[in-house]
Amino acid sequence: MCIRDRDNMNLFQDFQEMDKLIQSVPDNGGVYFVPALTGLFTPHWRTDVSGTIIGLTLHTHKAHLVRSILEAICFRTREVMDAMESETKQKYGSVKVDGGLTQNNLLLQMQADIL
């Protein structure tokens, strides 16, 4: 998703640095990210929507932005899960995760809390 685009913005070099960044702030500092970098797909199907960052102030740090990106991933996952449950009329009791982001315990906890 948008994490692979970190190289374009030089937000962090690896997942360990990302973890240190998001642990350094208690919250997103009022920064919110809409991860619609190529449109906003399931369940909205809007190709005309673009990614957005809001809430930037003079007090915003890189850590706030990175944390808001991870929160956006969690909320998009929730939105897709809700759409799947609505379409299938089934409740999903668990979610299995894999990939580099699974090394981040805070992200996994945020995802669990949001789901």
N, C-alpha and C. Protein backbone atom coordinates (compact mmCIF):
# COMPACT_ATOMS: atom_id res chain seq x y z
N MET A 1 0.85 -1.18 0.00
CA MET A 1 0.00 0.00 0.00
C MET A 1 0.89 1.24 0.00
N CYS A 2 0.55 2.24 0.79
CA CYS A 2 1.30 3.49 0.75
C CYS A 2 2.64 3.40 1.45
N ILE A 3 2.89 2.38 2.22
CA ILE A 3 4.17 2.25 2.91
C ILE A 3 5.30 2.09 1.91
N ARG A 4 5.06 1.42 0.79
CA ARG A 4 6.14 1.25 -0.19
C ARG A 4 6.56 2.58 -0.81
N ASP A 5 5.71 3.59 -0.71
CA ASP A 5 6.03 4.89 -1.27
C ASP A 5 6.89 5.73 -0.33
N ARG A 6 7.29 5.16 0.80
CA ARG A 6 8.13 5.86 1.76
C ARG A 6 9.42 6.33 1.12
N ASP A 7 9.91 5.58 0.14
CA ASP A 7 11.17 5.94 -0.51
C ASP A 7 11.04 7.27 -1.26
N ASN A 8 9.89 7.59 -1.78
CA ASN A 8 9.69 8.84 -2.50
C ASN A 8 9.71 10.05 -1.58
N MET A 9 9.29 9.88 -0.34
CA MET A 9 9.21 10.99 0.60
C MET A 9 10.31 10.95 1.66
N ASN A 10 11.10 9.90 1.68
CA ASN A 10 12.18 9.75 2.67
C ASN A 10 11.69 9.89 4.11
N LEU A 11 10.55 9.30 4.40
CA LEU A 11 10.00 9.38 5.76
C LEU A 11 10.78 8.50 6.73
N PHE A 12 11.21 7.33 6.28
CA PHE A 12 12.01 6.43 7.11
C PHE A 12 12.72 5.45 6.19
N GLN A 13 13.79 4.87 6.72
CA GLN A 13 14.61 3.98 5.90
C GLN A 13 14.17 2.52 5.96
N ASP A 14 13.66 2.09 7.11
CA ASP A 14 13.27 0.69 7.26
C ASP A 14 12.17 0.61 8.32
N PHE A 15 11.65 -0.60 8.52
CA PHE A 15 10.54 -0.77 9.45
C PHE A 15 10.95 -0.50 10.89
N GLN A 16 12.22 -0.72 11.23
CA GLN A 16 12.70 -0.43 12.59
C GLN A 16 12.67 1.08 12.85
N GLU A 17 13.10 1.86 11.86
CA GLU A 17 13.05 3.31 12.01
C GLU A 17 11.60 3.80 12.09
N MET A 18 10.73 3.20 11.29
CA MET A 18 9.31 3.54 11.33
C MET A 18 8.75 3.30 12.72
N ASP A 19 9.11 2.15 13.31
CA ASP A 19 8.64 1.81 14.64
C ASP A 19 9.09 2.84 15.67
N LYS A 20 10.35 3.24 15.61
CA LYS A 20 10.85 4.26 16.53
C LYS A 20 10.11 5.58 16.36
N LEU A 21 9.82 5.95 15.12
CA LEU A 21 9.10 7.19 14.86
C LEU A 21 7.72 7.17 15.50
N ILE A 22 6.94 6.14 15.23
CA ILE A 22 5.56 6.15 15.73
C ILE A 22 5.50 5.95 17.24
N GLN A 23 6.53 5.35 17.82
CA GLN A 23 6.58 5.20 19.28
C GLN A 23 6.95 6.52 19.95
N SER A 24 7.51 7.46 19.18
CA SER A 24 8.00 8.71 19.76
C SER A 24 6.89 9.74 19.99
N VAL A 25 5.70 9.48 19.48
CA VAL A 25 4.57 10.40 19.68
C VAL A 25 3.39 9.63 20.25
N PRO A 26 2.59 10.28 21.12
CA PRO A 26 1.47 9.56 21.74
C PRO A 26 0.26 9.37 20.81
N ASP A 27 0.21 10.17 19.74
CA ASP A 27 -0.93 10.10 18.82
C ASP A 27 -0.53 10.72 17.49
N ASN A 28 -1.51 10.92 16.62
CA ASN A 28 -1.19 11.46 15.29
C ASN A 28 -1.07 12.99 15.27
N GLY A 29 -1.23 13.63 16.41
CA GLY A 29 -1.09 15.08 16.47
C GLY A 29 -2.13 15.84 15.66
N GLY A 30 -3.27 15.19 15.39
CA GLY A 30 -4.32 15.82 14.60
C GLY A 30 -4.11 15.73 13.11
N VAL A 31 -3.12 14.92 12.69
CA VAL A 31 -2.83 14.73 11.27
C VAL A 31 -3.59 13.49 10.78
N TYR A 32 -4.27 13.64 9.64
CA TYR A 32 -5.03 12.52 9.06
C TYR A 32 -4.66 12.36 7.60
N PHE A 33 -4.56 11.12 7.20
CA PHE A 33 -4.15 10.77 5.85
C PHE A 33 -5.24 9.95 5.19
N VAL A 34 -5.63 10.32 3.99
CA VAL A 34 -6.56 9.53 3.18
C VAL A 34 -5.72 8.82 2.12
N PRO A 35 -5.59 7.48 2.22
CA PRO A 35 -4.70 6.74 1.33
C PRO A 35 -5.33 6.42 -0.02
N ALA A 36 -5.64 7.45 -0.76
CA ALA A 36 -6.26 7.27 -2.07
C ALA A 36 -5.25 7.65 -3.15
N LEU A 37 -4.09 7.01 -3.12
CA LEU A 37 -3.01 7.41 -4.00
C LEU A 37 -3.28 7.06 -5.47
N THR A 38 -4.13 6.09 -5.70
CA THR A 38 -4.53 5.76 -7.07
C THR A 38 -6.05 5.70 -7.17
N GLY A 39 -6.72 6.42 -6.29
CA GLY A 39 -8.18 6.39 -6.20
C GLY A 39 -8.58 5.76 -4.88
N LEU A 40 -9.85 5.81 -4.57
CA LEU A 40 -10.38 5.22 -3.33
C LEU A 40 -11.28 4.07 -3.75
N PHE A 41 -10.76 2.88 -3.61
CA PHE A 41 -11.46 1.72 -4.14
C PHE A 41 -12.41 1.12 -3.11
N THR A 42 -12.42 -0.17 -2.93
CA THR A 42 -13.40 -0.86 -2.10
C THR A 42 -13.65 -0.10 -0.81
N PRO A 43 -14.87 0.16 -0.42
CA PRO A 43 -16.13 -0.09 -1.13
C PRO A 43 -16.66 1.12 -1.90
N HIS A 44 -15.84 2.15 -2.09
CA HIS A 44 -16.32 3.39 -2.69
C HIS A 44 -16.23 3.44 -4.21
N TRP A 45 -15.20 2.83 -4.76
CA TRP A 45 -14.99 2.78 -6.21
C TRP A 45 -14.96 4.17 -6.82
N ARG A 46 -14.08 5.02 -6.27
CA ARG A 46 -13.93 6.39 -6.75
C ARG A 46 -12.53 6.58 -7.30
N THR A 47 -12.39 6.55 -8.60
CA THR A 47 -11.08 6.74 -9.22
C THR A 47 -10.69 8.21 -9.32
N ASP A 48 -11.65 9.09 -9.06
CA ASP A 48 -11.38 10.53 -9.15
C ASP A 48 -10.86 11.11 -7.84
N VAL A 49 -10.75 10.31 -6.80
CA VAL A 49 -10.31 10.79 -5.49
C VAL A 49 -8.80 10.64 -5.39
N SER A 50 -8.16 11.60 -4.76
CA SER A 50 -6.72 11.52 -4.58
C SER A 50 -6.38 11.54 -3.09
N GLY A 51 -5.16 11.11 -2.77
CA GLY A 51 -4.71 11.08 -1.39
C GLY A 51 -4.68 12.48 -0.79
N THR A 52 -4.93 12.55 0.50
CA THR A 52 -5.00 13.83 1.18
C THR A 52 -4.35 13.73 2.55
N ILE A 53 -3.65 14.77 2.94
CA ILE A 53 -3.13 14.89 4.29
C ILE A 53 -3.72 16.17 4.86
N ILE A 54 -4.37 16.06 6.02
CA ILE A 54 -4.95 17.25 6.65
C ILE A 54 -4.47 17.34 8.10
N GLY A 55 -4.55 18.52 8.65
CA GLY A 55 -4.22 18.73 10.05
C GLY A 55 -2.77 19.11 10.31
N LEU A 56 -2.03 19.44 9.27
CA LEU A 56 -0.63 19.84 9.45
C LEU A 56 -0.55 21.21 10.12
N THR A 57 0.31 21.33 11.10
CA THR A 57 0.55 22.60 11.78
C THR A 57 2.06 22.79 11.95
N LEU A 58 2.44 23.89 12.56
CA LEU A 58 3.85 24.13 12.85
C LEU A 58 4.39 23.13 13.88
N HIS A 59 3.49 22.45 14.59
CA HIS A 59 3.89 21.49 15.62
C HIS A 59 3.92 20.05 15.09
N THR A 60 3.60 19.88 13.84
CA THR A 60 3.59 18.53 13.25
C THR A 60 5.01 18.06 13.01
N HIS A 61 5.26 16.83 13.43
CA HIS A 61 6.54 16.19 13.20
C HIS A 61 6.37 15.06 12.19
N LYS A 62 7.46 14.62 11.62
CA LYS A 62 7.43 13.49 10.70
C LYS A 62 6.76 12.28 11.35
N ALA A 63 6.98 12.10 12.63
CA ALA A 63 6.39 10.97 13.34
C ALA A 63 4.86 11.01 13.31
N HIS A 64 4.28 12.21 13.38
CA HIS A 64 2.82 12.33 13.31
C HIS A 64 2.31 11.87 11.95
N LEU A 65 3.02 12.27 10.90
CA LEU A 65 2.62 11.88 9.55
C LEU A 65 2.71 10.37 9.37
N VAL A 66 3.80 9.78 9.81
CA VAL A 66 3.96 8.33 9.68
C VAL A 66 2.88 7.60 10.47
N ARG A 67 2.62 8.08 11.67
CA ARG A 67 1.57 7.44 12.48
C ARG A 67 0.21 7.57 11.80
N SER A 68 -0.07 8.72 11.20
CA SER A 68 -1.36 8.89 10.52
C SER A 68 -1.47 7.96 9.31
N ILE A 69 -0.36 7.69 8.66
CA ILE A 69 -0.37 6.75 7.53
C ILE A 69 -0.72 5.36 8.02
N LEU A 70 -0.12 4.94 9.12
CA LEU A 70 -0.42 3.61 9.66
C LEU A 70 -1.86 3.52 10.15
N GLU A 71 -2.34 4.57 10.78
CA GLU A 71 -3.75 4.59 11.20
C GLU A 71 -4.67 4.49 10.00
N ALA A 72 -4.31 5.16 8.91
CA ALA A 72 -5.14 5.10 7.70
C ALA A 72 -5.20 3.68 7.17
N ILE A 73 -4.09 2.96 7.21
CA ILE A 73 -4.09 1.56 6.78
C ILE A 73 -5.08 0.77 7.63
N CYS A 74 -5.04 0.99 8.93
CA CYS A 74 -5.94 0.27 9.84
C CYS A 74 -7.41 0.59 9.55
N PHE A 75 -7.72 1.87 9.36
CA PHE A 75 -9.11 2.25 9.10
C PHE A 75 -9.59 1.75 7.73
N ARG A 76 -8.71 1.75 6.74
CA ARG A 76 -9.09 1.20 5.42
C ARG A 76 -9.33 -0.30 5.52
N THR A 77 -8.51 -0.99 6.31
CA THR A 77 -8.73 -2.42 6.52
C THR A 77 -10.08 -2.65 7.16
N ARG A 78 -10.42 -1.83 8.15
CA ARG A 78 -11.74 -1.95 8.80
C ARG A 78 -12.86 -1.71 7.80
N GLU A 79 -12.69 -0.72 6.94
CA GLU A 79 -13.71 -0.40 5.95
C GLU A 79 -13.92 -1.56 4.97
N VAL A 80 -12.83 -2.18 4.55
CA VAL A 80 -12.93 -3.33 3.65
C VAL A 80 -13.56 -4.51 4.36
N MET A 81 -13.17 -4.75 5.62
CA MET A 81 -13.78 -5.84 6.40
C MET A 81 -15.29 -5.63 6.56
N ASP A 82 -15.68 -4.40 6.85
CA ASP A 82 -17.12 -4.10 6.98
C ASP A 82 -17.85 -4.37 5.66
N ALA A 83 -17.24 -3.99 4.55
CA ALA A 83 -17.86 -4.24 3.25
C ALA A 83 -17.97 -5.74 2.97
N MET A 84 -16.93 -6.49 3.32
CA MET A 84 -16.97 -7.95 3.12
C MET A 84 -18.08 -8.58 3.96
N GLU A 85 -18.18 -8.15 5.21
CA GLU A 85 -19.22 -8.70 6.08
C GLU A 85 -20.61 -8.34 5.58
N SER A 86 -20.76 -7.13 5.08
CA SER A 86 -22.05 -6.71 4.55
C SER A 86 -22.44 -7.52 3.31
N GLU A 87 -21.48 -7.74 2.43
CA GLU A 87 -21.76 -8.49 1.19
C GLU A 87 -22.00 -9.97 1.43
N THR A 88 -21.22 -10.56 2.33
CA THR A 88 -21.31 -12.02 2.54
C THR A 88 -22.28 -12.40 3.64
N LYS A 89 -22.71 -11.41 4.42
CA LYS A 89 -23.59 -11.66 5.57
C LYS A 89 -22.93 -12.59 6.58
N GLN A 90 -21.60 -12.53 6.65
CA GLN A 90 -20.84 -13.34 7.60
C GLN A 90 -20.00 -12.41 8.47
N LYS A 91 -19.79 -12.84 9.71
CA LYS A 91 -18.88 -12.14 10.61
C LYS A 91 -17.55 -12.86 10.58
N TYR A 92 -16.48 -12.10 10.46
CA TYR A 92 -15.15 -12.69 10.47
C TYR A 92 -14.56 -12.52 11.86
N GLY A 93 -14.26 -13.62 12.51
CA GLY A 93 -13.78 -13.59 13.88
C GLY A 93 -12.32 -13.26 14.04
N SER A 94 -11.55 -13.41 12.98
CA SER A 94 -10.13 -13.12 13.08
C SER A 94 -9.59 -12.69 11.72
N VAL A 95 -8.45 -12.05 11.78
CA VAL A 95 -7.77 -11.59 10.58
C VAL A 95 -6.33 -12.08 10.66
N LYS A 96 -5.84 -12.64 9.58
CA LYS A 96 -4.44 -13.06 9.53
C LYS A 96 -3.65 -12.01 8.76
N VAL A 97 -2.49 -11.69 9.27
CA VAL A 97 -1.66 -10.66 8.66
C VAL A 97 -0.29 -11.22 8.32
N ASP A 98 0.34 -10.62 7.32
CA ASP A 98 1.70 -11.00 6.98
C ASP A 98 2.41 -9.81 6.36
N GLY A 99 3.66 -9.96 6.07
CA GLY A 99 4.44 -8.88 5.48
C GLY A 99 5.25 -8.12 6.51
N GLY A 100 6.00 -7.16 6.01
CA GLY A 100 6.92 -6.41 6.86
C GLY A 100 6.27 -5.65 7.99
N LEU A 101 5.06 -5.16 7.78
CA LEU A 101 4.40 -4.38 8.82
C LEU A 101 4.02 -5.21 10.04
N THR A 102 3.98 -6.53 9.89
CA THR A 102 3.64 -7.37 11.04
C THR A 102 4.73 -7.34 12.11
N GLN A 103 5.87 -6.77 11.79
CA GLN A 103 6.94 -6.61 12.78
C GLN A 103 6.63 -5.48 13.75
N ASN A 104 5.61 -4.70 13.45
CA ASN A 104 5.29 -3.52 14.25
C ASN A 104 4.13 -3.83 15.19
N ASN A 105 4.46 -4.02 16.47
CA ASN A 105 3.44 -4.38 17.45
C ASN A 105 2.40 -3.28 17.66
N LEU A 106 2.83 -2.02 17.59
CA LEU A 106 1.87 -0.91 17.77
C LEU A 106 0.86 -0.91 16.64
N LEU A 107 1.32 -1.11 15.42
CA LEU A 107 0.38 -1.18 14.28
C LEU A 107 -0.61 -2.32 14.47
N LEU A 108 -0.12 -3.48 14.86
CA LEU A 108 -1.02 -4.62 15.04
C LEU A 108 -2.03 -4.36 16.16
N GLN A 109 -1.58 -3.68 17.21
CA GLN A 109 -2.51 -3.35 18.30
C GLN A 109 -3.54 -2.33 17.83
N MET A 110 -3.09 -1.31 17.07
CA MET A 110 -4.05 -0.33 16.53
C MET A 110 -5.07 -1.04 15.65
N GLN A 111 -4.61 -1.97 14.81
CA GLN A 111 -5.53 -2.69 13.93
C GLN A 111 -6.54 -3.49 14.74
N ALA A 112 -6.06 -4.18 15.77
CA ALA A 112 -6.96 -4.96 16.62
C ALA A 112 -7.99 -4.06 17.30
N ASP A 113 -7.56 -2.90 17.78
CA ASP A 113 -8.47 -1.96 18.45
C ASP A 113 -9.51 -1.43 17.47
N ILE A 114 -9.11 -1.15 16.24
CA ILE A 114 -10.02 -0.57 15.26
C ILE A 114 -11.00 -1.60 14.73
N LEU A 115 -10.54 -2.85 14.61
CA LEU A 115 -11.46 -3.89 14.15
C LEU A 115 -12.41 -4.26 15.26
